[in-house]
Amino acid sequence: MKKPLNYNMINREFIDLSIDKNEVLRYLGYDDKRVDDITDKIIDKCFEEILKIARTNFVYNIFEINRDDKNVFLNNSRIKLEGKDIYKHLEKSKKCAIMAVTLGSEVDKRIKYYSKMDLTKSIILDACSTAAIEALCDRVEALIKRISINNGFYTTKRYSPGYGDFPIEIQPRILNLLDAQKHIGLTVTGSYILIPRKSVTALIGIGEEFQSKKVGCKDCNLYNNCLFVKKGDSCGNSKTIEK
């Protein structure tokens, strides 16, 4: 018999992040070009600044899911997860972990400040922050995966609103489900932009079967306008999904 999973985790403590400089350089468009010493030093300074001002908070909860022939529903929440892509992503899952993570509002304020005082530093700090929020997502995803495996379940990789045809309009309902404003200060605008900006919500399927499949750039709704794709690269979110 499967053990019950640990439902609802809220974190308000600082998480030590390891930010990948190569990811930052890709976000800045360096590709295989060697970064100059001045830029390299600014990146290191921005790393230090991010680690000092970020508030690495997260919240997640695990929900039972059910489905009909075309749709997936979060049990007892009356929320339908619309789109063929999220349906396929969760097709072998019995539960769904929903997570929300943020670096906090001070990071947004600092990026905005430098946009007026030092544009180069603002751009680099923004790239460092993007790498940092992805690193935080990786940590939370690993936590959910470890808890699931310890209880006899497999997990998918995370899948966020805006990927494929999974509508970004679901953001307010996700935040309400997690009570994210209360727990980690995360809100959403009328145009479905998360505030603080350096924040992410995502879903992770949890099931008893293992499955691997590839999620490519063409599955993303930013594909046609992606700067990485135009350069023959990817943002790094195209990866194998494991169940």
Protein backbone atom coordinates (compact mmCIF):
# COMPACT_ATOMS: atom_id res chain seq x y z
CA MET A 1 0.00 0.00 0.00
CA LYS A 2 1.25 3.45 -0.90
CA LYS A 3 2.08 5.78 1.96
CA PRO A 4 0.20 9.09 2.07
CA LEU A 5 2.23 11.94 0.62
CA ASN A 6 3.23 14.98 2.63
CA TYR A 7 0.64 17.57 1.66
CA ASN A 8 1.26 21.30 1.82
CA MET A 9 4.77 22.57 2.40
CA ILE A 10 5.45 26.24 3.13
CA ASN A 11 8.99 27.61 3.30
CA ARG A 12 9.91 31.07 4.57
CA GLU A 13 13.57 30.41 5.29
CA PHE A 14 16.54 31.38 3.13
CA ILE A 15 17.64 28.67 0.70
CA ASP A 16 21.27 28.79 -0.39
CA LEU A 17 21.28 28.80 -4.19
CA SER A 18 24.02 27.85 -6.60
CA ILE A 19 23.57 30.06 -9.67
CA ASP A 20 24.94 28.66 -12.93
CA LYS A 21 27.09 31.32 -14.62
CA ASN A 22 26.82 29.52 -17.97
CA GLU A 23 23.06 29.94 -17.82
CA VAL A 24 23.46 33.63 -17.11
CA LEU A 25 25.77 34.01 -20.10
CA ARG A 26 23.24 32.26 -22.33
CA TYR A 27 20.49 34.60 -21.13
CA LEU A 28 22.81 37.49 -21.97
CA GLY A 29 23.36 36.09 -25.47
CA TYR A 30 27.05 35.24 -25.16
CA ASP A 31 26.70 31.70 -26.51
CA ASP A 32 30.24 30.47 -27.19
CA LYS A 33 31.81 33.92 -27.06
CA ARG A 34 34.28 34.58 -24.29
CA VAL A 35 32.96 37.07 -21.77
CA ASP A 36 35.18 40.08 -21.16
CA ASP A 37 36.73 40.63 -17.74
CA ILE A 38 34.60 43.67 -16.89
CA THR A 39 31.33 41.86 -17.62
CA ASP A 40 32.57 38.78 -15.75
CA LYS A 41 33.25 40.89 -12.65
CA ILE A 42 29.81 42.54 -12.88
CA ILE A 43 28.20 39.09 -13.06
CA ASP A 44 30.07 38.00 -9.93
CA LYS A 45 28.97 41.17 -8.13
CA CYS A 46 25.38 40.56 -9.22
CA PHE A 47 25.60 36.99 -7.90
CA GLU A 48 26.61 38.35 -4.51
CA GLU A 49 23.83 40.92 -4.60
CA ILE A 50 21.14 38.41 -5.53
CA LEU A 51 22.16 36.03 -2.76
CA LYS A 52 22.08 38.91 -0.29
CA ILE A 53 18.67 40.40 -1.17
CA ALA A 54 16.64 37.44 -2.45
CA ARG A 55 13.94 35.94 -0.23
CA THR A 56 13.78 32.40 -1.56
CA ASN A 57 10.29 31.37 -0.50
CA PHE A 58 8.04 28.65 -1.84
CA VAL A 59 4.79 26.87 -1.20
CA TYR A 60 3.38 23.68 -2.69
CA ASN A 61 0.44 21.39 -2.16
CA ILE A 62 -0.52 18.00 -3.57
CA PHE A 63 -3.97 17.37 -5.03
CA GLU A 64 -5.81 14.31 -6.20
CA ILE A 65 -6.73 14.55 -9.88
CA ASN A 66 -9.41 12.99 -12.02
CA ARG A 67 -10.19 13.24 -15.71
CA ASP A 68 -12.70 12.64 -18.43
CA ASP A 69 -11.91 12.00 -22.09
CA LYS A 70 -10.61 15.53 -22.72
CA ASN A 71 -9.96 17.31 -19.43
CA VAL A 72 -8.07 17.00 -16.16
CA PHE A 73 -9.59 18.26 -12.92
CA LEU A 74 -8.12 18.95 -9.52
CA ASN A 75 -10.27 16.88 -7.20
CA ASN A 76 -12.49 18.86 -4.82
CA SER A 77 -11.23 22.15 -6.22
CA ARG A 78 -13.57 22.41 -9.22
CA ILE A 79 -10.61 23.59 -11.28
CA LYS A 80 -10.24 22.31 -14.82
CA LEU A 81 -6.74 22.18 -16.27
CA GLU A 82 -7.41 23.16 -19.86
CA GLY A 83 -5.35 22.20 -22.88
CA LYS A 84 -4.23 19.07 -24.67
CA ASP A 85 -0.64 19.49 -23.50
CA ILE A 86 -1.33 19.47 -19.75
CA TYR A 87 -3.75 16.58 -20.29
CA LYS A 88 -0.97 14.59 -21.96
CA HIS A 89 1.57 15.67 -19.37
CA LEU A 90 -0.60 14.28 -16.55
CA GLU A 91 -2.04 11.31 -18.43
CA LYS A 92 -0.44 8.70 -16.15
CA SER A 93 -0.58 10.73 -12.96
CA LYS A 94 -2.93 10.16 -10.04
CA LYS A 95 -1.90 13.25 -8.11
CA CYS A 96 -0.58 16.66 -8.97
CA ALA A 97 1.82 18.81 -6.98
CA ILE A 98 1.34 22.53 -7.56
CA MET A 99 4.24 24.76 -6.58
CA ALA A 100 4.86 28.49 -6.43
CA VAL A 101 8.30 29.97 -5.83
CA THR A 102 9.63 33.51 -5.65
CA LEU A 103 12.80 35.50 -5.05
CA GLY A 104 10.81 38.25 -3.36
CA SER A 105 10.10 41.88 -4.15
CA GLU A 106 13.52 43.31 -3.32
CA VAL A 107 15.01 41.73 -6.44
CA ASP A 108 12.43 43.49 -8.63
CA LYS A 109 13.17 46.79 -6.89
CA ARG A 110 16.91 46.43 -7.39
CA ILE A 111 16.56 45.63 -11.12
CA LYS A 112 14.31 48.66 -11.54
CA TYR A 113 16.74 50.86 -9.62
CA TYR A 114 19.67 49.88 -11.81
CA SER A 115 17.59 50.38 -14.96
CA LYS A 116 17.72 54.10 -14.11
CA MET A 117 21.24 54.25 -12.69
CA ASP A 118 23.25 51.59 -14.54
CA LEU A 119 21.49 49.89 -17.46
CA THR A 120 24.24 47.31 -18.03
CA LYS A 121 24.10 46.17 -14.43
CA SER A 122 20.29 46.07 -14.58
CA ILE A 123 20.39 43.72 -17.57
CA ILE A 124 22.99 41.46 -15.94
CA LEU A 125 21.16 41.44 -12.61
CA ASP A 126 17.97 40.48 -14.45
CA ALA A 127 19.75 37.55 -16.13
CA CYS A 128 21.24 36.44 -12.81
CA SER A 129 17.80 36.61 -11.22
CA THR A 130 16.32 34.47 -13.99
CA ALA A 131 19.01 31.86 -13.41
CA ALA A 132 18.39 32.08 -9.66
CA ILE A 133 14.63 31.51 -9.90
CA GLU A 134 15.23 28.50 -12.15
CA ALA A 135 17.71 27.14 -9.61
CA LEU A 136 15.12 27.60 -6.87
CA CYS A 137 12.52 25.80 -9.00
CA ASP A 138 14.98 22.93 -9.43
CA ARG A 139 15.40 22.70 -5.65
CA VAL A 140 11.66 22.62 -4.97
CA GLU A 141 11.07 20.14 -7.79
CA ALA A 142 13.79 17.89 -6.34
CA LEU A 143 12.12 18.09 -2.92
CA ILE A 144 8.76 17.02 -4.35
CA LYS A 145 10.41 14.24 -6.34
CA ARG A 146 12.28 12.94 -3.29
CA ILE A 147 9.13 12.88 -1.15
CA SER A 148 7.24 11.12 -3.94
CA ILE A 149 9.93 8.49 -4.55
CA ASN A 150 10.20 7.80 -0.81
CA ASN A 151 6.49 7.00 -0.87
CA GLY A 152 6.63 4.78 -3.96
CA PHE A 153 5.64 7.27 -6.68
CA TYR A 154 7.25 8.62 -9.84
CA THR A 155 7.07 12.26 -10.89
CA THR A 156 7.01 14.24 -14.11
CA LYS A 157 9.12 17.32 -14.62
CA ARG A 158 7.48 20.64 -13.80
CA TYR A 159 5.13 22.22 -16.33
CA SER A 160 4.11 25.87 -16.06
CA PRO A 161 1.14 27.90 -17.29
CA GLY A 162 2.10 29.29 -20.69
CA TYR A 163 3.84 26.12 -21.85
CA GLY A 164 2.21 24.71 -24.99
CA ASP A 165 -1.53 25.34 -24.91
CA PHE A 166 -1.77 25.34 -21.10
CA PRO A 167 -3.33 28.80 -20.61
CA ILE A 168 -1.59 31.38 -18.46
CA GLU A 169 -5.03 32.58 -17.37
CA ILE A 170 -5.05 29.85 -14.73
CA GLN A 171 -2.48 31.74 -12.64
CA PRO A 172 -4.99 33.44 -10.28
CA ARG A 173 -6.67 30.11 -9.50
CA ILE A 174 -3.32 28.48 -8.78
CA LEU A 175 -2.35 31.25 -6.38
CA ASN A 176 -5.74 31.04 -4.67
CA LEU A 177 -5.39 27.27 -4.26
CA LEU A 178 -2.02 27.72 -2.57
CA ASP A 179 -3.00 30.87 -0.67
CA ALA A 180 0.26 32.14 -2.11
CA GLN A 181 -0.26 35.80 -1.29
CA LYS A 182 -0.58 35.00 2.41
CA HIS A 183 2.21 32.47 2.55
CA ILE A 184 4.91 33.93 0.25
CA GLY A 185 3.58 37.34 -0.87
CA LEU A 186 2.93 36.22 -4.46
CA THR A 187 0.17 37.90 -6.46
CA VAL A 188 -0.86 38.18 -10.12
CA THR A 189 -1.85 41.17 -12.26
CA GLY A 190 -4.93 41.48 -14.47
CA SER A 191 -2.73 40.46 -17.41
CA TYR A 192 -1.60 37.32 -15.52
CA ILE A 193 1.93 38.50 -14.73
CA LEU A 194 3.26 37.23 -11.41
CA ILE A 195 4.34 39.82 -8.84
CA PRO A 196 7.16 39.72 -7.76
CA ARG A 197 8.29 39.20 -11.34
CA LYS A 198 11.00 36.71 -10.49
CA SER A 199 8.48 34.05 -9.52
CA VAL A 200 7.23 30.81 -11.06
CA THR A 201 4.25 28.51 -10.69
CA ALA A 202 4.34 24.95 -11.98
CA LEU A 203 2.61 21.58 -11.85
CA ILE A 204 4.26 18.21 -11.34
CA GLY A 205 2.44 14.95 -12.04
CA ILE A 206 2.72 12.14 -9.48
CA GLY A 207 1.88 8.56 -10.43
CA GLU A 208 2.78 4.90 -10.09
CA GLU A 209 4.14 4.44 -13.61
CA PHE A 210 7.46 5.53 -15.09
CA GLN A 211 7.48 7.24 -18.45
CA SER A 212 10.02 9.28 -20.37
CA LYS A 213 9.22 11.62 -23.19
CA LYS A 214 10.76 14.68 -24.76
CA VAL A 215 9.34 18.16 -24.42
CA GLY A 216 10.79 20.35 -27.15
CA CYS A 217 10.90 24.04 -27.94
CA LYS A 218 7.93 23.67 -30.27
CA ASP A 219 5.79 22.78 -27.24
CA CYS A 220 6.32 26.28 -25.83
CA ASN A 221 3.97 29.12 -26.71
CA LEU A 222 6.97 31.48 -27.00
CA TYR A 223 8.52 29.36 -29.76
CA ASN A 224 7.81 31.76 -32.65
CA ASN A 225 9.31 34.75 -30.82
CA CYS A 226 12.10 33.05 -28.86
CA LEU A 227 15.55 34.59 -29.18
CA PHE A 228 17.19 31.30 -28.21
CA VAL A 229 15.40 29.43 -31.00
CA LYS A 230 16.40 32.06 -33.54
CA LYS A 231 20.02 31.40 -32.59
CA GLY A 232 19.57 27.64 -32.84
CA ASP A 233 19.68 27.29 -29.04
CA SER A 234 17.15 26.69 -26.28
CA CYS A 235 16.39 28.24 -22.90
CA GLY A 236 17.07 24.91 -21.22
CA ASN A 237 13.46 24.03 -20.44
CA SER A 238 13.30 21.53 -23.32
CA LYS A 239 14.08 18.34 -21.51
CA THR A 240 13.10 14.79 -20.89
CA ILE A 241 10.05 14.40 -18.71
CA GLU A 242 10.32 11.48 -16.33
CA LYS A 243 7.41 9.72 -14.73
